[in-house]
Amino acid sequence: MLMTEQATGHHPQPRPRNGAPTSPVEHVTGAQSLIRSLEEVGADTVFGLPGGCILPAYDPLMDSKKVRHILVRHEQGAGHAATGYAQATGKVGVCMVTSGPGATNLVTPIADAHMDSVPIVAITGQVASKAIGTDAFQEADICGITMPITKHNFLVTKAEDI
């Protein structure tokens, strides 16, 4: 995208050969895509605690008409609440916390859900892709830490992969 398009918000619309206007291309951030994905699979509740690296996901979460957020006081509470929600409703429990210590605080509830075969999705923030492996502030190898206690484990480094 050109700098002038960013600054003005004007994006010229491509036209097909017959000259008719086409529908505009929607630009979606990774955070918006994440929340839309939750909406599309029917998730209606996210238990979470906002923090630095996950904050970009909170704007579209707060804008969502389909997914409500329940603020907890500790990351472990988010994980255990997601587990209890899944057990009580039969739906998948979802929790969302920030990187580093926020993510490592989810280890016990993730292990608990895994051992009891309770379906949860734990979404954590992570440092910028360029900073992974550099001992950056609040960086933790949460994928490596949780690999033995999860069924599937993903590190998303590009928005297109969501």
N, C-alpha and C. Protein backbone atom coordinates (compact mmCIF):
# COMPACT_ATOMS: atom_id res chain seq x y z
N MET A 1 0.85 -1.16 0.00
CA MET A 1 0.00 0.00 0.00
C MET A 1 0.89 1.23 0.00
N LEU A 2 0.52 2.22 -0.77
CA LEU A 2 1.29 3.45 -0.83
C LEU A 2 1.03 4.30 0.40
N MET A 3 2.02 5.09 0.77
CA MET A 3 1.89 5.95 1.94
C MET A 3 0.73 6.92 1.77
N THR A 4 0.53 7.44 0.57
CA THR A 4 -0.56 8.40 0.37
C THR A 4 -1.92 7.74 0.58
N GLU A 5 -2.05 6.49 0.21
CA GLU A 5 -3.31 5.79 0.45
C GLU A 5 -3.55 5.62 1.94
N GLN A 6 -2.50 5.31 2.68
CA GLN A 6 -2.64 5.18 4.13
C GLN A 6 -3.04 6.51 4.74
N ALA A 7 -2.39 7.56 4.33
CA ALA A 7 -2.63 8.86 4.94
C ALA A 7 -4.03 9.39 4.62
N THR A 8 -4.50 9.18 3.40
CA THR A 8 -5.79 9.75 3.02
C THR A 8 -6.94 8.79 3.23
N GLY A 9 -6.65 7.52 3.34
CA GLY A 9 -7.72 6.54 3.45
C GLY A 9 -8.37 6.25 2.11
N HIS A 10 -7.88 6.86 1.02
CA HIS A 10 -8.44 6.64 -0.31
C HIS A 10 -7.76 5.44 -0.95
N HIS A 11 -8.56 4.50 -1.36
CA HIS A 11 -8.04 3.31 -2.02
C HIS A 11 -8.76 3.17 -3.36
N PRO A 12 -8.07 3.42 -4.48
CA PRO A 12 -8.74 3.31 -5.77
C PRO A 12 -9.30 1.91 -5.98
N GLN A 13 -10.51 1.84 -6.49
CA GLN A 13 -11.17 0.56 -6.69
C GLN A 13 -10.86 0.01 -8.08
N PRO A 14 -10.41 -1.23 -8.16
CA PRO A 14 -10.17 -1.83 -9.48
C PRO A 14 -11.50 -2.05 -10.19
N ARG A 15 -11.48 -1.95 -11.49
CA ARG A 15 -12.69 -2.18 -12.28
C ARG A 15 -12.45 -3.33 -13.25
N PRO A 16 -13.45 -4.19 -13.39
CA PRO A 16 -13.31 -5.26 -14.38
C PRO A 16 -13.33 -4.68 -15.79
N ARG A 17 -13.08 -5.50 -16.76
CA ARG A 17 -12.98 -5.04 -18.15
C ARG A 17 -14.26 -4.39 -18.65
N ASN A 18 -15.42 -4.79 -18.12
CA ASN A 18 -16.67 -4.20 -18.60
C ASN A 18 -16.93 -2.83 -17.98
N GLY A 19 -16.06 -2.35 -17.08
CA GLY A 19 -16.18 -1.03 -16.50
C GLY A 19 -17.06 -0.94 -15.27
N ALA A 20 -17.73 -2.03 -14.92
CA ALA A 20 -18.60 -2.01 -13.74
C ALA A 20 -17.75 -1.97 -12.47
N PRO A 21 -18.21 -1.25 -11.45
CA PRO A 21 -17.43 -1.22 -10.21
C PRO A 21 -17.43 -2.58 -9.52
N THR A 22 -16.36 -2.88 -8.83
CA THR A 22 -16.28 -4.11 -8.06
C THR A 22 -16.47 -3.79 -6.59
N SER A 23 -16.70 -4.79 -5.80
CA SER A 23 -16.83 -4.55 -4.36
C SER A 23 -15.45 -4.20 -3.80
N PRO A 24 -15.41 -3.29 -2.82
CA PRO A 24 -14.12 -2.89 -2.28
C PRO A 24 -13.45 -4.04 -1.53
N VAL A 25 -12.14 -4.03 -1.54
CA VAL A 25 -11.37 -5.03 -0.82
C VAL A 25 -11.28 -4.58 0.63
N GLU A 26 -11.64 -5.46 1.53
CA GLU A 26 -11.60 -5.11 2.94
C GLU A 26 -10.23 -5.47 3.51
N HIS A 27 -9.62 -4.53 4.20
CA HIS A 27 -8.34 -4.78 4.85
C HIS A 27 -8.62 -5.17 6.30
N VAL A 28 -8.16 -6.35 6.68
CA VAL A 28 -8.45 -6.89 8.00
C VAL A 28 -7.13 -7.15 8.72
N THR A 29 -7.05 -6.73 9.96
CA THR A 29 -5.84 -7.00 10.75
C THR A 29 -5.87 -8.43 11.27
N GLY A 30 -4.75 -8.90 11.75
CA GLY A 30 -4.69 -10.23 12.36
C GLY A 30 -5.61 -10.32 13.56
N ALA A 31 -5.67 -9.25 14.34
CA ALA A 31 -6.54 -9.23 15.52
C ALA A 31 -8.01 -9.33 15.12
N GLN A 32 -8.40 -8.60 14.09
CA GLN A 32 -9.78 -8.68 13.60
C GLN A 32 -10.08 -10.07 13.07
N SER A 33 -9.13 -10.65 12.36
CA SER A 33 -9.31 -12.00 11.83
C SER A 33 -9.47 -13.02 12.95
N LEU A 34 -8.71 -12.85 14.02
CA LEU A 34 -8.80 -13.74 15.17
C LEU A 34 -10.20 -13.71 15.77
N ILE A 35 -10.72 -12.53 16.03
CA ILE A 35 -12.04 -12.41 16.65
C ILE A 35 -13.12 -12.88 15.69
N ARG A 36 -12.99 -12.57 14.41
CA ARG A 36 -13.97 -13.06 13.42
C ARG A 36 -13.96 -14.58 13.37
N SER A 37 -12.78 -15.18 13.49
CA SER A 37 -12.69 -16.64 13.50
C SER A 37 -13.44 -17.22 14.69
N LEU A 38 -13.29 -16.59 15.85
CA LEU A 38 -14.04 -17.05 17.02
C LEU A 38 -15.54 -16.94 16.78
N GLU A 39 -15.96 -15.83 16.19
CA GLU A 39 -17.39 -15.64 15.89
C GLU A 39 -17.89 -16.72 14.93
N GLU A 40 -17.11 -16.99 13.89
CA GLU A 40 -17.52 -17.95 12.87
C GLU A 40 -17.67 -19.37 13.40
N VAL A 41 -16.88 -19.73 14.41
CA VAL A 41 -16.99 -21.09 14.96
C VAL A 41 -17.98 -21.16 16.12
N GLY A 42 -18.62 -20.03 16.42
CA GLY A 42 -19.67 -20.04 17.43
C GLY A 42 -19.22 -19.78 18.85
N ALA A 43 -17.98 -19.36 19.03
CA ALA A 43 -17.54 -19.00 20.39
C ALA A 43 -18.31 -17.76 20.82
N ASP A 44 -18.89 -17.80 22.01
CA ASP A 44 -19.67 -16.64 22.45
C ASP A 44 -19.11 -15.98 23.70
N THR A 45 -18.10 -16.58 24.31
CA THR A 45 -17.53 -16.04 25.54
C THR A 45 -16.02 -16.25 25.56
N VAL A 46 -15.30 -15.20 25.95
CA VAL A 46 -13.86 -15.28 26.13
C VAL A 46 -13.55 -14.79 27.54
N PHE A 47 -12.85 -15.60 28.30
CA PHE A 47 -12.38 -15.22 29.63
C PHE A 47 -10.97 -14.70 29.47
N GLY A 48 -10.68 -13.52 29.97
CA GLY A 48 -9.35 -13.01 29.72
C GLY A 48 -8.90 -11.89 30.63
N LEU A 49 -7.62 -11.59 30.46
CA LEU A 49 -6.97 -10.52 31.18
C LEU A 49 -6.07 -9.80 30.18
N PRO A 50 -6.39 -8.55 29.85
CA PRO A 50 -5.60 -7.85 28.85
C PRO A 50 -4.19 -7.52 29.34
N GLY A 51 -3.29 -7.43 28.42
CA GLY A 51 -1.91 -7.05 28.70
C GLY A 51 -1.23 -6.66 27.40
N GLY A 52 -0.06 -6.10 27.49
CA GLY A 52 0.65 -5.51 26.36
C GLY A 52 0.56 -6.22 25.03
N CYS A 53 1.03 -7.44 24.94
CA CYS A 53 1.13 -8.12 23.64
C CYS A 53 -0.20 -8.62 23.10
N ILE A 54 -1.24 -8.69 23.90
CA ILE A 54 -2.54 -9.16 23.41
C ILE A 54 -3.51 -8.00 23.22
N LEU A 55 -3.11 -6.79 23.60
CA LEU A 55 -4.02 -5.64 23.52
C LEU A 55 -4.61 -5.41 22.13
N PRO A 56 -3.86 -5.61 21.03
CA PRO A 56 -4.47 -5.38 19.72
C PRO A 56 -5.72 -6.24 19.47
N ALA A 57 -5.81 -7.40 20.11
CA ALA A 57 -6.98 -8.27 19.93
C ALA A 57 -8.17 -7.79 20.74
N TYR A 58 -7.94 -6.94 21.71
CA TYR A 58 -9.04 -6.49 22.56
C TYR A 58 -9.95 -5.47 21.89
N ASP A 59 -9.45 -4.65 20.97
CA ASP A 59 -10.33 -3.69 20.28
C ASP A 59 -11.41 -4.41 19.48
N PRO A 60 -11.05 -5.35 18.59
CA PRO A 60 -12.12 -6.05 17.88
C PRO A 60 -12.97 -6.93 18.79
N LEU A 61 -12.40 -7.43 19.88
CA LEU A 61 -13.19 -8.22 20.82
C LEU A 61 -14.26 -7.34 21.47
N MET A 62 -13.88 -6.15 21.87
CA MET A 62 -14.85 -5.24 22.49
C MET A 62 -15.90 -4.77 21.49
N ASP A 63 -15.54 -4.72 20.20
CA ASP A 63 -16.49 -4.31 19.16
C ASP A 63 -17.42 -5.44 18.74
N SER A 64 -17.09 -6.67 19.09
CA SER A 64 -17.87 -7.82 18.65
C SER A 64 -19.26 -7.83 19.29
N LYS A 65 -20.25 -8.09 18.48
CA LYS A 65 -21.64 -8.24 18.96
C LYS A 65 -21.94 -9.69 19.31
N LYS A 66 -21.04 -10.61 18.93
CA LYS A 66 -21.30 -12.04 19.11
C LYS A 66 -20.49 -12.66 20.24
N VAL A 67 -19.37 -12.06 20.59
CA VAL A 67 -18.49 -12.64 21.61
C VAL A 67 -18.38 -11.66 22.78
N ARG A 68 -18.71 -12.14 23.96
CA ARG A 68 -18.58 -11.29 25.15
C ARG A 68 -17.28 -11.63 25.86
N HIS A 69 -16.75 -10.64 26.54
CA HIS A 69 -15.51 -10.81 27.29
C HIS A 69 -15.83 -10.78 28.77
N ILE A 70 -15.28 -11.72 29.50
CA ILE A 70 -15.40 -11.73 30.95
C ILE A 70 -14.00 -11.50 31.52
N LEU A 71 -13.84 -10.36 32.18
CA LEU A 71 -12.56 -9.98 32.76
C LEU A 71 -12.31 -10.76 34.04
N VAL A 72 -11.15 -11.35 34.13
CA VAL A 72 -10.76 -12.09 35.33
C VAL A 72 -9.65 -11.32 36.05
N ARG A 73 -9.31 -11.77 37.25
CA ARG A 73 -8.28 -11.07 38.02
C ARG A 73 -6.92 -11.73 37.92
N HIS A 74 -6.86 -12.90 37.33
CA HIS A 74 -5.58 -13.62 37.18
C HIS A 74 -5.70 -14.54 35.98
N GLU A 75 -4.60 -14.74 35.29
CA GLU A 75 -4.61 -15.59 34.09
C GLU A 75 -5.05 -17.01 34.39
N GLN A 76 -4.66 -17.54 35.54
CA GLN A 76 -5.12 -18.89 35.89
C GLN A 76 -6.64 -18.92 35.97
N GLY A 77 -7.22 -17.85 36.49
CA GLY A 77 -8.68 -17.76 36.56
C GLY A 77 -9.31 -17.83 35.18
N ALA A 78 -8.67 -17.21 34.19
CA ALA A 78 -9.20 -17.26 32.82
C ALA A 78 -9.21 -18.69 32.31
N GLY A 79 -8.12 -19.41 32.54
CA GLY A 79 -8.04 -20.79 32.08
C GLY A 79 -9.03 -21.70 32.78
N HIS A 80 -9.13 -21.57 34.10
CA HIS A 80 -10.07 -22.41 34.85
C HIS A 80 -11.52 -22.04 34.52
N ALA A 81 -11.79 -20.76 34.30
CA ALA A 81 -13.14 -20.34 33.92
C ALA A 81 -13.51 -20.92 32.55
N ALA A 82 -12.56 -20.92 31.61
CA ALA A 82 -12.82 -21.50 30.29
C ALA A 82 -13.10 -22.99 30.41
N THR A 83 -12.37 -23.67 31.28
CA THR A 83 -12.59 -25.10 31.51
C THR A 83 -13.97 -25.34 32.11
N GLY A 84 -14.31 -24.58 33.14
CA GLY A 84 -15.62 -24.73 33.76
C GLY A 84 -16.75 -24.41 32.81
N TYR A 85 -16.56 -23.39 31.99
CA TYR A 85 -17.56 -23.01 30.99
C TYR A 85 -17.77 -24.16 30.00
N ALA A 86 -16.69 -24.76 29.55
CA ALA A 86 -16.79 -25.88 28.61
C ALA A 86 -17.52 -27.06 29.25
N GLN A 87 -17.21 -27.35 30.50
CA GLN A 87 -17.86 -28.46 31.19
C GLN A 87 -19.35 -28.18 31.40
N ALA A 88 -19.69 -26.94 31.72
CA ALA A 88 -21.09 -26.60 32.03
C ALA A 88 -21.96 -26.46 30.79
N THR A 89 -21.37 -26.00 29.67
CA THR A 89 -22.18 -25.70 28.49
C THR A 89 -22.04 -26.72 27.37
N GLY A 90 -20.97 -27.50 27.38
CA GLY A 90 -20.71 -28.41 26.27
C GLY A 90 -20.07 -27.71 25.08
N LYS A 91 -19.80 -26.41 25.20
CA LYS A 91 -19.12 -25.66 24.15
C LYS A 91 -17.62 -25.63 24.46
N VAL A 92 -16.85 -25.17 23.50
CA VAL A 92 -15.42 -25.01 23.73
C VAL A 92 -15.20 -23.76 24.57
N GLY A 93 -14.40 -23.88 25.62
CA GLY A 93 -14.05 -22.72 26.44
C GLY A 93 -12.90 -21.97 25.80
N VAL A 94 -12.93 -20.65 25.89
CA VAL A 94 -11.89 -19.82 25.29
C VAL A 94 -11.34 -18.87 26.34
N CYS A 95 -10.02 -18.78 26.41
CA CYS A 95 -9.38 -17.81 27.29
C CYS A 95 -8.30 -17.07 26.51
N MET A 96 -8.01 -15.85 26.93
CA MET A 96 -7.06 -15.02 26.20
C MET A 96 -6.26 -14.18 27.20
N VAL A 97 -4.94 -14.29 27.13
CA VAL A 97 -4.06 -13.56 28.04
C VAL A 97 -2.85 -13.04 27.26
N THR A 98 -2.02 -12.28 27.93
CA THR A 98 -0.85 -11.71 27.28
C THR A 98 0.33 -12.68 27.27
N SER A 99 1.46 -12.20 26.82
CA SER A 99 2.66 -13.03 26.68
C SER A 99 3.38 -13.24 28.00
N GLY A 100 4.47 -13.98 27.94
CA GLY A 100 5.37 -14.15 29.07
C GLY A 100 4.71 -14.72 30.30
N PRO A 101 4.76 -14.00 31.43
CA PRO A 101 4.19 -14.53 32.66
C PRO A 101 2.68 -14.72 32.57
N GLY A 102 2.01 -13.90 31.76
CA GLY A 102 0.58 -14.10 31.56
C GLY A 102 0.30 -15.45 30.93
N ALA A 103 1.09 -15.79 29.92
CA ALA A 103 0.92 -17.08 29.24
C ALA A 103 1.32 -18.25 30.14
N THR A 104 2.42 -18.10 30.86
CA THR A 104 2.85 -19.22 31.71
C THR A 104 1.88 -19.46 32.86
N ASN A 105 1.14 -18.44 33.26
CA ASN A 105 0.12 -18.63 34.29
C ASN A 105 -1.04 -19.51 33.81
N LEU A 106 -1.12 -19.75 32.52
CA LEU A 106 -2.16 -20.63 31.97
C LEU A 106 -1.76 -22.10 31.98
N VAL A 107 -0.52 -22.40 32.30
CA VAL A 107 -0.05 -23.79 32.21
C VAL A 107 -0.89 -24.74 33.05
N THR A 108 -1.17 -24.41 34.30
CA THR A 108 -1.94 -25.31 35.16
C THR A 108 -3.35 -25.55 34.62
N PRO A 109 -4.12 -24.50 34.26
CA PRO A 109 -5.45 -24.79 33.71
C PRO A 109 -5.42 -25.52 32.37
N ILE A 110 -4.41 -25.26 31.55
CA ILE A 110 -4.30 -26.00 30.29
C ILE A 110 -4.05 -27.48 30.58
N ALA A 111 -3.14 -27.76 31.50
CA ALA A 111 -2.85 -29.16 31.86
C ALA A 111 -4.08 -29.82 32.45
N ASP A 112 -4.81 -29.11 33.29
CA ASP A 112 -6.02 -29.64 33.90
C ASP A 112 -7.06 -29.99 32.83
N ALA A 113 -7.29 -29.08 31.89
CA ALA A 113 -8.25 -29.33 30.82
C ALA A 113 -7.80 -30.52 29.96
N HIS A 114 -6.51 -30.59 29.67
CA HIS A 114 -5.99 -31.68 28.85
C HIS A 114 -6.18 -33.03 29.55
N MET A 115 -5.85 -33.08 30.83
CA MET A 115 -5.98 -34.35 31.57
C MET A 115 -7.43 -34.79 31.71
N ASP A 116 -8.35 -33.83 31.76
CA ASP A 116 -9.77 -34.16 31.90
C ASP A 116 -10.50 -34.19 30.56
N SER A 117 -9.77 -34.05 29.46
CA SER A 117 -10.34 -34.04 28.10
C SER A 117 -11.44 -32.99 27.95
N VAL A 118 -11.18 -31.80 28.46
CA VAL A 118 -12.11 -30.68 28.33
C VAL A 118 -11.60 -29.78 27.21
N PRO A 119 -12.45 -29.47 26.23
CA PRO A 119 -11.99 -28.67 25.09
C PRO A 119 -11.89 -27.18 25.42
N ILE A 120 -10.67 -26.67 25.38
CA ILE A 120 -10.47 -25.22 25.53
C ILE A 120 -9.52 -24.73 24.45
N VAL A 121 -9.64 -23.46 24.14
CA VAL A 121 -8.70 -22.77 23.26
C VAL A 121 -8.07 -21.67 24.10
N ALA A 122 -6.77 -21.71 24.23
CA ALA A 122 -6.03 -20.70 24.99
C ALA A 122 -5.26 -19.83 24.00
N ILE A 123 -5.59 -18.57 23.97
CA ILE A 123 -4.95 -17.62 23.06
C ILE A 123 -4.03 -16.73 23.89
N THR A 124 -2.77 -16.68 23.51
CA THR A 124 -1.83 -15.83 24.25
C THR A 124 -1.16 -14.86 23.30
N GLY A 125 -0.75 -13.74 23.84
CA GLY A 125 0.06 -12.81 23.07
C GLY A 125 1.47 -13.36 22.95
N GLN A 126 2.27 -12.73 22.12
CA GLN A 126 3.68 -13.09 21.97
C GLN A 126 4.42 -11.84 21.53
N VAL A 127 5.69 -11.81 21.79
CA VAL A 127 6.49 -10.67 21.35
C VAL A 127 6.49 -10.61 19.83
N ALA A 128 6.94 -9.50 19.28
CA ALA A 128 7.00 -9.34 17.82
C ALA A 128 7.82 -10.48 17.21
N SER A 129 7.42 -10.90 16.03
CA SER A 129 8.09 -12.03 15.35
C SER A 129 9.61 -11.85 15.29
N LYS A 130 10.05 -10.61 15.02
CA LYS A 130 11.49 -10.35 14.93
C LYS A 130 12.20 -10.55 16.26
N ALA A 131 11.46 -10.45 17.36
CA ALA A 131 12.06 -10.54 18.69
C ALA A 131 12.03 -11.96 19.28
N ILE A 132 11.33 -12.88 18.61
CA ILE A 132 11.25 -14.25 19.13
C ILE A 132 12.65 -14.87 19.16
N GLY A 133 12.99 -15.44 20.30
CA GLY A 133 14.29 -16.08 20.46
C GLY A 133 15.40 -15.13 20.88
N THR A 134 15.06 -13.88 21.20
CA THR A 134 16.09 -12.90 21.57
C THR A 134 16.07 -12.56 23.06
N ASP A 135 15.28 -13.27 23.83
CA ASP A 135 15.13 -12.97 25.26
C ASP A 135 14.47 -11.62 25.47
N ALA A 136 13.56 -11.27 24.60
CA ALA A 136 12.86 -9.99 24.68
C ALA A 136 12.03 -9.90 25.95
N PHE A 137 11.65 -8.69 26.32
CA PHE A 137 10.83 -8.47 27.51
C PHE A 137 9.54 -9.28 27.43
N GLN A 138 9.26 -10.04 28.44
CA GLN A 138 8.08 -10.90 28.57
C GLN A 138 7.98 -11.94 27.46
N GLU A 139 9.12 -12.39 26.95
CA GLU A 139 9.11 -13.48 25.98
C GLU A 139 9.20 -14.81 26.73
N ALA A 140 8.36 -15.74 26.35
CA ALA A 140 8.43 -17.10 26.88
C ALA A 140 8.09 -18.05 25.74
N ASP A 141 8.74 -19.17 25.68
CA ASP A 141 8.44 -20.17 24.66
C ASP A 141 7.19 -20.93 25.08
N ILE A 142 6.05 -20.27 24.99
CA ILE A 142 4.81 -20.88 25.48
C ILE A 142 4.42 -22.09 24.64
N CYS A 143 4.77 -22.10 23.36
CA CYS A 143 4.48 -23.29 22.54
C CYS A 143 5.28 -24.48 23.04
N GLY A 144 6.56 -24.27 23.30
CA GLY A 144 7.40 -25.35 23.82
C GLY A 144 6.96 -25.81 25.20
N ILE A 145 6.61 -24.86 26.04
CA ILE A 145 6.19 -25.18 27.41
C ILE A 145 4.91 -26.01 27.41
N THR A 146 3.96 -25.65 26.56
CA THR A 146 2.65 -26.31 26.59
C THR A 146 2.51 -27.48 25.63
N MET A 147 3.51 -27.74 24.82
CA MET A 147 3.40 -28.85 23.86
C MET A 147 3.00 -30.18 24.50
N PRO A 148 3.57 -30.57 25.65
CA PRO A 148 3.19 -31.86 26.24
C PRO A 148 1.77 -31.88 26.83
N ILE A 149 1.15 -30.72 27.00
CA ILE A 149 -0.16 -30.68 27.65
C ILE A 149 -1.26 -30.13 26.75
N THR A 150 -1.01 -30.12 25.44
CA THR A 150 -2.03 -29.66 24.49
C THR A 150 -2.19 -30.69 23.39
N LYS A 151 -3.38 -30.68 22.80
CA LYS A 151 -3.62 -31.56 21.66
C LYS A 151 -3.01 -30.94 20.41
N HIS A 152 -3.21 -29.64 20.24
CA HIS A 152 -2.63 -28.88 19.12
C HIS A 152 -2.05 -27.60 19.67
N ASN A 153 -1.01 -27.11 19.02
CA ASN A 153 -0.27 -25.98 19.53
C ASN A 153 0.24 -25.19 18.33
N PHE A 154 -0.07 -23.90 18.23
CA PHE A 154 0.30 -23.12 17.05
C PHE A 154 0.95 -21.81 17.44
N LEU A 155 1.96 -21.41 16.71
CA LEU A 155 2.54 -20.07 16.83
C LEU A 155 2.24 -19.36 15.52
N VAL A 156 1.40 -18.36 15.58
CA VAL A 156 1.02 -17.60 14.39
C VAL A 156 1.97 -16.41 14.27
N THR A 157 2.70 -16.35 13.17
CA THR A 157 3.63 -15.24 12.96
C THR A 157 3.19 -14.31 11.83
N LYS A 158 2.17 -14.74 11.06
CA LYS A 158 1.64 -13.91 9.98
C LYS A 158 0.12 -13.89 10.08
N ALA A 159 -0.47 -12.72 9.90
CA ALA A 159 -1.92 -12.57 9.99
C ALA A 159 -2.64 -13.50 9.00
N GLU A 160 -2.03 -13.74 7.86
CA GLU A 160 -2.67 -14.59 6.84
C GLU A 160 -2.86 -16.03 7.32
N ASP A 161 -2.13 -16.42 8.36
CA ASP A 161 -2.21 -17.80 8.85
C ASP A 161 -3.35 -18.04 9.83
N ILE A 162 -4.07 -16.98 10.18
CA ILE A 162 -5.15 -17.14 11.16
C ILE A 162 -6.35 -17.78 10.48
